[in-house]
C-alpha atoms as a PDB file:
ATOM      1  CA  MET A   1      15.552  -4.607   9.947  1.00  0.00           C
ATOM      2  CA  LYS A   2      18.987  -5.171   9.424  1.00  0.00           C
ATOM      3  CA  HIS A   3      22.106  -3.863   9.748  1.00  0.00           C
ATOM      4  CA  GLY A   4      21.495  -0.362  10.460  1.00  0.00           C
ATOM      5  CA  PRO A   5      18.001  -0.036  12.225  1.00  0.00           C
ATOM      6  CA  ILE A   6      18.549  -2.693  14.604  1.00  0.00           C
ATOM      7  CA  ALA A   7      21.758  -1.554  16.014  1.00  0.00           C
ATOM      8  CA  LEU A   8      20.376   1.342  17.367  1.00  0.00           C
ATOM      9  CA  ILE A   9      17.611  -1.247  19.387  1.00  0.00           C
ATOM     10  CA  ASP A  10      18.603  -1.127  22.782  1.00  0.00           C
ATOM     11  CA  GLU A  11      16.470  -1.070  26.427  1.00  0.00           C
ATOM     12  CA  GLU A  12      15.752   2.982  25.841  1.00  0.00           C
ATOM     13  CA  MET A  13      14.006   2.499  22.318  1.00  0.00           C
ATOM     14  CA  PRO A  14      10.576   2.121  22.362  1.00  0.00           C
ATOM     15  CA  VAL A  15       9.479   0.062  18.679  1.00  0.00           C
ATOM     16  CA  VAL A  16       6.153   0.845  17.459  1.00  0.00           C
ATOM     17  CA  VAL A  17       4.677  -2.315  15.351  1.00  0.00           C
ATOM     18  CA  ILE A  18       1.742  -2.799  13.161  1.00  0.00           C
ATOM     19  CA  ALA A  19       1.244  -6.208  12.112  1.00  0.00           C
ATOM     20  CA  PRO A  20      -1.322  -7.411   9.947  1.00  0.00           C
ATOM     21  CA  LYS A  21      -2.346 -10.794   9.335  1.00  0.00           C
ATOM     22  CA  ASP A  22      -1.343 -10.925   5.795  1.00  0.00           C
ATOM     23  CA  ASP A  23       1.826 -12.525   3.897  1.00  0.00           C
ATOM     24  CA  THR A  24       4.553 -10.189   5.864  1.00  0.00           C
ATOM     25  CA  TYR A  25       3.000 -11.311   9.170  1.00  0.00           C
ATOM     26  CA  GLN A  26       5.864 -13.628  10.466  1.00  0.00           C
ATOM     27  CA  LYS A  27       8.388 -11.598   9.407  1.00  0.00           C
ATOM     28  CA  VAL A  28       7.027  -8.809  11.250  1.00  0.00           C
ATOM     29  CA  LEU A  29       7.145 -11.209  14.358  1.00  0.00           C
ATOM     30  CA  SER A  30      10.364 -11.917  13.818  1.00  0.00           C
ATOM     31  CA  ASN A  31      11.540  -8.432  14.028  1.00  0.00           C
ATOM     32  CA  ILE A  32       9.605  -8.243  17.208  1.00  0.00           C
ATOM     33  CA  GLN A  33      11.723 -11.039  18.604  1.00  0.00           C
ATOM     34  CA  GLU A  34      15.047  -9.332  17.565  1.00  0.00           C
ATOM     35  CA  VAL A  35      13.755  -6.193  19.278  1.00  0.00           C
ATOM     36  CA  LYS A  36      13.160  -7.753  22.594  1.00  0.00           C
ATOM     37  CA  ALA A  37      16.201  -9.694  22.632  1.00  0.00           C
ATOM     38  CA  ARG A  38      18.157  -6.501  22.263  1.00  0.00           C
ATOM     39  CA  GLY A  39      15.738  -5.326  25.284  1.00  0.00           C
ATOM     40  CA  GLY A  40      13.898  -2.499  23.261  1.00  0.00           C
ATOM     41  CA  ARG A  41      10.572  -1.771  24.362  1.00  0.00           C
ATOM     42  CA  VAL A  42       7.728  -3.172  21.651  1.00  0.00           C
ATOM     43  CA  MET A  43       4.700  -1.800  21.341  1.00  0.00           C
ATOM     44  CA  TRP A  44       2.456  -3.646  18.643  1.00  0.00           C
ATOM     45  CA  THR A  45      -0.856  -3.267  17.217  1.00  0.00           C
ATOM     46  CA  GLY A  46      -2.369  -6.108  14.734  1.00  0.00           C
ATOM     47  CA  ARG A  47      -6.297  -6.602  13.572  1.00  0.00           C
ATOM     48  CA  GLY A  48      -8.049  -4.473  16.609  1.00  0.00           C
ATOM     49  CA  ILE A  49      -5.289  -5.314  19.522  1.00  0.00           C
ATOM     50  CA  TRP A  50      -2.798  -2.829  21.046  1.00  0.00           C
ATOM     51  CA  ARG A  51      -0.250  -4.576  23.277  1.00  0.00           C
ATOM     52  CA  SER A  52       2.853  -3.144  25.054  1.00  0.00           C
ATOM     53  CA  ARG A  53       5.685  -5.846  26.079  1.00  0.00           C
END
């Protein structure tokens, strides 16, 4: 999520994330932090867990 897509994130933008426990997990968590820092609403799931923040 660099440049264009991240520029669209604001408090009105819901973001749905699938966070599998694999080699991409840390990068996905980093992207979630970037979305939250911009005020985006994050709904995510990983390994049978569904969360909304």
